[in-house]
PDB file of N, CA and C in Angstrom:
ATOM      1  N   MET A   1      10.340  -8.675   8.068  1.00  0.00           N
ATOM      2  CA  MET A   1       8.975  -8.793   7.342  1.00  0.00           C
ATOM      3  C   MET A   1       8.602  -9.961   7.134  1.00  0.00           C
ATOM      4  N   SER A   2       7.215 -10.349   7.291  1.00  0.00           N
ATOM      5  CA  SER A   2       6.898 -11.643   7.083  1.00  0.00           C
ATOM      6  C   SER A   2       6.320 -11.855   5.635  1.00  0.00           C
ATOM      7  N   ILE A   3       6.146 -13.110   5.246  1.00  0.00           N
ATOM      8  CA  ILE A   3       5.499 -13.114   3.921  1.00  0.00           C
ATOM      9  C   ILE A   3       4.101 -12.868   3.714  1.00  0.00           C
ATOM     10  N   ASN A   4       3.422 -12.604   4.904  1.00  0.00           N
ATOM     11  CA  ASN A   4       1.906 -12.498   5.119  1.00  0.00           C
ATOM     12  C   ASN A   4       1.633 -10.952   4.502  1.00  0.00           C
ATOM     13  N   LEU A   5       2.790 -10.226   4.967  1.00  0.00           N
ATOM     14  CA  LEU A   5       2.590  -8.723   4.554  1.00  0.00           C
ATOM     15  C   LEU A   5       2.547  -8.604   3.010  1.00  0.00           C
ATOM     16  N   ILE A   6       3.576  -9.417   2.364  1.00  0.00           N
ATOM     17  CA  ILE A   6       3.579  -9.339   0.940  1.00  0.00           C
ATOM     18  C   ILE A   6       2.415  -9.930   0.453  1.00  0.00           C
ATOM     19  N   PHE A   7       1.783 -10.931   0.543  1.00  0.00           N
ATOM     20  CA  PHE A   7       0.389 -11.370   0.258  1.00  0.00           C
ATOM     21  C   PHE A   7      -0.684 -10.457   0.564  1.00  0.00           C
ATOM     22  N   LYS A   8      -0.584  -9.712   1.655  1.00  0.00           N
ATOM     23  CA  LYS A   8      -1.782  -8.900   1.824  1.00  0.00           C
ATOM     24  C   LYS A   8      -1.730  -7.592   1.140  1.00  0.00           C
ATOM     25  N   ILE A   9      -0.339  -7.195   0.594  1.00  0.00           N
ATOM     26  CA  ILE A   9      -0.118  -5.963  -0.327  1.00  0.00           C
ATOM     27  C   ILE A   9      -0.421  -6.571  -1.527  1.00  0.00           C
ATOM     28  N   ALA A  10      -0.291  -7.594  -2.072  1.00  0.00           N
ATOM     29  CA  ALA A  10      -0.646  -8.336  -3.427  1.00  0.00           C
ATOM     30  C   ALA A  10      -2.012  -8.425  -3.376  1.00  0.00           C
ATOM     31  N   ALA A  11      -2.739  -8.644  -2.438  1.00  0.00           N
ATOM     32  CA  ALA A  11      -4.174  -8.951  -2.355  1.00  0.00           C
ATOM     33  C   ALA A  11      -4.986  -7.460  -2.502  1.00  0.00           C
ATOM     34  N   VAL A  12      -4.351  -6.605  -1.733  1.00  0.00           N
ATOM     35  CA  VAL A  12      -4.917  -5.288  -1.765  1.00  0.00           C
ATOM     36  C   VAL A  12      -4.831  -4.749  -3.279  1.00  0.00           C
ATOM     37  N   GLY A  13      -3.700  -5.095  -3.852  1.00  0.00           N
ATOM     38  CA  GLY A  13      -3.430  -4.487  -5.332  1.00  0.00           C
ATOM     39  C   GLY A  13      -4.366  -5.127  -6.418  1.00  0.00           C
ATOM     40  N   ILE A  14      -4.409  -6.498  -6.260  1.00  0.00           N
ATOM     41  CA  ILE A  14      -5.463  -7.058  -7.282  1.00  0.00           C
ATOM     42  C   ILE A  14      -6.996  -6.529  -6.970  1.00  0.00           C
ATOM     43  N   LEU A  15      -7.176  -6.425  -5.599  1.00  0.00           N
ATOM     44  CA  LEU A  15      -8.574  -6.055  -5.225  1.00  0.00           C
ATOM     45  C   LEU A  15      -8.910  -4.618  -5.940  1.00  0.00           C
ATOM     46  N   VAL A  16      -7.779  -3.613  -5.550  1.00  0.00           N
ATOM     47  CA  VAL A  16      -7.990  -2.375  -6.181  1.00  0.00           C
ATOM     48  C   VAL A  16      -8.005  -2.136  -7.634  1.00  0.00           C
ATOM     49  N   THR A  17      -7.190  -2.924  -8.129  1.00  0.00           N
ATOM     50  CA  THR A  17      -7.273  -3.036  -9.786  1.00  0.00           C
ATOM     51  C   THR A  17      -8.636  -3.422 -10.597  1.00  0.00           C
ATOM     52  N   VAL A  18      -9.190  -4.435  -9.832  1.00  0.00           N
ATOM     53  CA  VAL A  18     -10.462  -5.030 -10.267  1.00  0.00           C
ATOM     54  C   VAL A  18     -11.498  -3.875 -10.155  1.00  0.00           C
ATOM     55  N   ILE A  19     -11.542  -3.524  -8.724  1.00  0.00           N
ATOM     56  CA  ILE A  19     -12.562  -2.357  -8.609  1.00  0.00           C
ATOM     57  C   ILE A  19     -12.458  -1.180  -9.214  1.00  0.00           C
ATOM     58  N   SER A  20     -10.945  -0.639  -9.560  1.00  0.00           N
ATOM     59  CA  SER A  20     -10.989   0.406 -10.340  1.00  0.00           C
ATOM     60  C   SER A  20     -11.597   0.163 -11.830  1.00  0.00           C
ATOM     61  N   GLN A  21     -11.281  -0.878 -12.278  1.00  0.00           N
ATOM     62  CA  GLN A  21     -11.575  -1.088 -13.620  1.00  0.00           C
ATOM     63  C   GLN A  21     -13.057  -1.174 -13.719  1.00  0.00           C
ATOM     64  N   VAL A  22     -13.675  -1.772 -12.966  1.00  0.00           N
ATOM     65  CA  VAL A  22     -15.211  -1.876 -12.918  1.00  0.00           C
ATOM     66  C   VAL A  22     -15.748  -0.350 -13.041  1.00  0.00           C
ATOM     67  N   LEU A  23     -15.150   0.384 -12.205  1.00  0.00           N
ATOM     68  CA  LEU A  23     -15.606   1.780 -11.739  1.00  0.00           C
ATOM     69  C   LEU A  23     -15.257   2.584 -13.095  1.00  0.00           C
ATOM     70  N   LYS A  24     -14.273   2.372 -13.568  1.00  0.00           N
ATOM     71  CA  LYS A  24     -13.891   3.211 -15.046  1.00  0.00           C
ATOM     72  C   LYS A  24     -14.693   2.933 -16.057  1.00  0.00           C
ATOM     73  N   HIS A  25     -15.052   1.419 -16.261  1.00  0.00           N
ATOM     74  CA  HIS A  25     -15.921   1.176 -17.256  1.00  0.00           C
ATOM     75  C   HIS A  25     -17.305   1.529 -17.052  1.00  0.00           C
ATOM     76  N   SER A  26     -17.827   1.755 -15.957  1.00  0.00           N
ATOM     77  CA  SER A  26     -19.064   2.326 -15.637  1.00  0.00           C
ATOM     78  C   SER A  26     -19.292   3.767 -15.469  1.00  0.00           C
ATOM     79  N   GLY A  27     -18.008   4.496 -15.699  1.00  0.00           N
ATOM     80  CA  GLY A  27     -18.238   5.953 -16.125  1.00  0.00           C
ATOM     81  C   GLY A  27     -17.967   6.766 -14.730  1.00  0.00           C
ATOM     82  N   ARG A  28     -17.312   6.116 -13.792  1.00  0.00           N
ATOM     83  CA  ARG A  28     -17.157   6.741 -12.598  1.00  0.00           C
ATOM     84  C   ARG A  28     -15.509   6.926 -12.168  1.00  0.00           C
ATOM     85  N   GLU A  29     -15.040   7.850 -13.050  1.00  0.00           N
ATOM     86  CA  GLU A  29     -13.356   7.925 -12.712  1.00  0.00           C
ATOM     87  C   GLU A  29     -13.053   8.320 -11.569  1.00  0.00           C
ATOM     88  N   GLU A  30     -13.959   9.195 -10.870  1.00  0.00           N
ATOM     89  CA  GLU A  30     -13.704   9.916  -9.643  1.00  0.00           C
ATOM     90  C   GLU A  30     -13.594   8.714  -8.612  1.00  0.00           C
ATOM     91  N   HIS A  31     -14.512   7.974  -8.505  1.00  0.00           N
ATOM     92  CA  HIS A  31     -14.618   6.938  -7.438  1.00  0.00           C
ATOM     93  C   HIS A  31     -13.491   5.915  -7.695  1.00  0.00           C
ATOM     94  N   ALA A  32     -13.142   5.616  -8.859  1.00  0.00           N
ATOM     95  CA  ALA A  32     -11.879   4.709  -9.177  1.00  0.00           C
ATOM     96  C   ALA A  32     -10.648   5.302  -8.645  1.00  0.00           C
ATOM     97  N   PHE A  33     -10.359   6.662  -8.884  1.00  0.00           N
ATOM     98  CA  PHE A  33      -9.224   7.272  -8.284  1.00  0.00           C
ATOM     99  C   PHE A  33      -9.380   7.268  -6.625  1.00  0.00           C
ATOM    100  N   LEU A  34     -10.394   7.661  -6.140  1.00  0.00           N
ATOM    101  CA  LEU A  34     -10.494   7.442  -4.660  1.00  0.00           C
ATOM    102  C   LEU A  34     -10.120   5.780  -4.227  1.00  0.00           C
ATOM    103  N   THR A  35     -10.726   4.965  -4.971  1.00  0.00           N
ATOM    104  CA  THR A  35     -10.443   3.551  -4.637  1.00  0.00           C
ATOM    105  C   THR A  35      -8.910   3.497  -4.631  1.00  0.00           C
ATOM    106  N   SER A  36      -8.352   3.771  -5.830  1.00  0.00           N
ATOM    107  CA  SER A  36      -6.774   3.463  -5.919  1.00  0.00           C
ATOM    108  C   SER A  36      -6.018   4.318  -4.516  1.00  0.00           C
ATOM    109  N   LEU A  37      -6.462   5.398  -4.351  1.00  0.00           N
ATOM    110  CA  LEU A  37      -5.962   6.276  -3.291  1.00  0.00           C
ATOM    111  C   LEU A  37      -6.074   5.630  -1.922  1.00  0.00           C
ATOM    112  N   ALA A  38      -7.142   4.922  -1.656  1.00  0.00           N
ATOM    113  CA  ALA A  38      -7.348   4.170  -0.462  1.00  0.00           C
ATOM    114  C   ALA A  38      -6.713   3.224  -0.289  1.00  0.00           C
ATOM    115  N   GLY A  39      -6.511   2.499  -1.407  1.00  0.00           N
ATOM    116  CA  GLY A  39      -5.359   1.378  -1.412  1.00  0.00           C
ATOM    117  C   GLY A  39      -4.066   1.556  -1.133  1.00  0.00           C
ATOM    118  N   LEU A  40      -3.763   2.783  -1.720  1.00  0.00           N
ATOM    119  CA  LEU A  40      -2.268   3.269  -1.337  1.00  0.00           C
ATOM    120  C   LEU A  40      -2.244   3.397  -0.103  1.00  0.00           C
ATOM    121  N   ILE A  41      -3.041   4.249   0.585  1.00  0.00           N
ATOM    122  CA  ILE A  41      -2.909   4.635   2.013  1.00  0.00           C
ATOM    123  C   ILE A  41      -2.945   3.522   2.817  1.00  0.00           C
ATOM    124  N   ILE A  42      -3.704   2.369   2.513  1.00  0.00           N
ATOM    125  CA  ILE A  42      -3.858   1.344   3.454  1.00  0.00           C
ATOM    126  C   ILE A  42      -2.378   0.617   3.516  1.00  0.00           C
ATOM    127  N   VAL A  43      -1.726   0.526   2.144  1.00  0.00           N
ATOM    128  CA  VAL A  43      -0.454  -0.069   2.256  1.00  0.00           C
ATOM    129  C   VAL A  43       0.566   0.607   2.784  1.00  0.00           C
ATOM    130  N   LEU A  44       0.489   1.900   2.655  1.00  0.00           N
ATOM    131  CA  LEU A  44       1.492   2.736   3.201  1.00  0.00           C
ATOM    132  C   LEU A  44       1.549   2.639   4.855  1.00  0.00           C
ATOM    133  N   PHE A  45       0.013   2.552   5.518  1.00  0.00           N
ATOM    134  CA  PHE A  45       0.162   2.369   6.716  1.00  0.00           C
ATOM    135  C   PHE A  45       0.715   1.103   7.154  1.00  0.00           C
ATOM    136  N   TRP A  46       0.568  -0.085   6.385  1.00  0.00           N
ATOM    137  CA  TRP A  46       1.342  -1.226   6.659  1.00  0.00           C
ATOM    138  C   TRP A  46       2.799  -1.268   6.502  1.00  0.00           C
ATOM    139  N   ILE A  47       3.225  -0.327   5.618  1.00  0.00           N
ATOM    140  CA  ILE A  47       4.772  -0.276   5.458  1.00  0.00           C
ATOM    141  C   ILE A  47       5.608   0.647   6.234  1.00  0.00           C
ATOM    142  N   VAL A  48       4.892   1.764   6.848  1.00  0.00           N
ATOM    143  CA  VAL A  48       5.691   2.813   7.434  1.00  0.00           C
ATOM    144  C   VAL A  48       6.271   2.184   8.644  1.00  0.00           C
ATOM    145  N   PRO A  49       5.806   1.254   9.607  1.00  0.00           N
ATOM    146  CA  PRO A  49       6.695   0.907  10.647  1.00  0.00           C
ATOM    147  C   PRO A  49       7.918   0.294  10.232  1.00  0.00           C
ATOM    148  N   TYR A  50       7.909  -0.516   9.173  1.00  0.00           N
ATOM    149  CA  TYR A  50       9.137  -1.420   8.599  1.00  0.00           C
ATOM    150  C   TYR A  50      10.245  -0.006   8.243  1.00  0.00           C
ATOM    151  N   ILE A  51       9.614   0.799   7.679  1.00  0.00           N
ATOM    152  CA  ILE A  51      10.440   1.949   7.103  1.00  0.00           C
ATOM    153  C   ILE A  51      11.283   2.488   8.359  1.00  0.00           C
ATOM    154  N   TYR A  52      10.347   2.754   9.339  1.00  0.00           N
ATOM    155  CA  TYR A  52      10.890   3.593  10.670  1.00  0.00           C
ATOM    156  C   TYR A  52      11.776   2.410  11.142  1.00  0.00           C
ATOM    157  N   GLU A  53      11.769   1.399  11.263  1.00  0.00           N
ATOM    158  CA  GLU A  53      12.437   0.281  11.839  1.00  0.00           C
ATOM    159  C   GLU A  53      13.958   0.413  11.076  1.00  0.00           C
ATOM    160  N   LEU A  54      13.781   0.481   9.901  1.00  0.00           N
ATOM    161  CA  LEU A  54      14.866   0.615   8.848  1.00  0.00           C
ATOM    162  C   LEU A  54      15.874   1.699   9.211  1.00  0.00           C
ATOM    163  N   PHE A  55      15.169   3.034   9.225  1.00  0.00           N
ATOM    164  CA  PHE A  55      15.864   4.087   9.494  1.00  0.00           C
ATOM    165  C   PHE A  55      16.571   4.212  10.921  1.00  0.00           C
ATOM    166  N   GLU A  56      15.792   3.475  12.007  1.00  0.00           N
ATOM    167  CA  GLU A  56      16.383   3.519  13.335  1.00  0.00           C
ATOM    168  C   GLU A  56      17.688   2.602  13.184  1.00  0.00           C
ATOM    169  N   THR A  57      17.588   1.330  12.531  1.00  0.00           N
ATOM    170  CA  THR A  57      18.791   0.469  12.501  1.00  0.00           C
ATOM    171  C   THR A  57      19.897   1.104  11.654  1.00  0.00           C
ATOM    172  N   ILE A  58      19.514   1.909  10.683  1.00  0.00           N
ATOM    173  CA  ILE A  58      20.620   2.569  10.030  1.00  0.00           C
ATOM    174  C   ILE A  58      21.250   3.709  11.005  1.00  0.00           C
ATOM    175  N   LYS A  59      20.451   4.432  11.788  1.00  0.00           N
ATOM    176  CA  LYS A  59      21.073   5.444  12.604  1.00  0.00           C
ATOM    177  C   LYS A  59      21.740   4.653  13.710  1.00  0.00           C
ATOM    178  N   ASN A  60      21.466   3.644  14.168  1.00  0.00           N
ATOM    179  CA  ASN A  60      22.251   2.823  15.230  1.00  0.00           C
ATOM    180  C   ASN A  60      23.439   2.374  14.722  1.00  0.00           C
ATOM    181  N   LEU A  61      23.326   1.980  13.498  1.00  0.00           N
ATOM    182  CA  LEU A  61      24.644   1.330  12.961  1.00  0.00           C
ATOM    183  C   LEU A  61      25.729   2.632  12.664  1.00  0.00           C
ATOM    184  N   PHE A  62      25.326   3.663  12.424  1.00  0.00           N
ATOM    185  CA  PHE A  62      26.192   4.708  12.170  1.00  0.00           C
ATOM    186  C   PHE A  62      26.361   5.614  13.448  1.00  0.00           C
ATOM    187  N   ALA A  63      25.735   5.291  14.444  1.00  0.00           N
ATOM    188  CA  ALA A  63      25.826   5.975  15.797  1.00  0.00           C
ATOM    189  C   ALA A  63      25.749   7.442  15.685  1.00  0.00           C
ATOM    190  N   LEU A  64      24.528   7.929  14.984  1.00  0.00           N
ATOM    191  CA  LEU A  64      24.288   9.201  14.745  1.00  0.00           C
ATOM    192  C   LEU A  64      23.396   9.875  15.861  1.00  0.00           C
TER     193      LEU A  64
END
């Protein structure tokens, strides 16, 4: 895993937090929730290949 992925995740987290706060203060809680959900889904799409690689490595390690 590269350091660039960690910086991208942090950037998405900061951006989603700012947008959510702005939307909450303007009275649009539904849009703030959807923004947070979209940020979570984006980060999960970036993380899933690494989780798959981890499980494959563990599977090969124990030869299951």
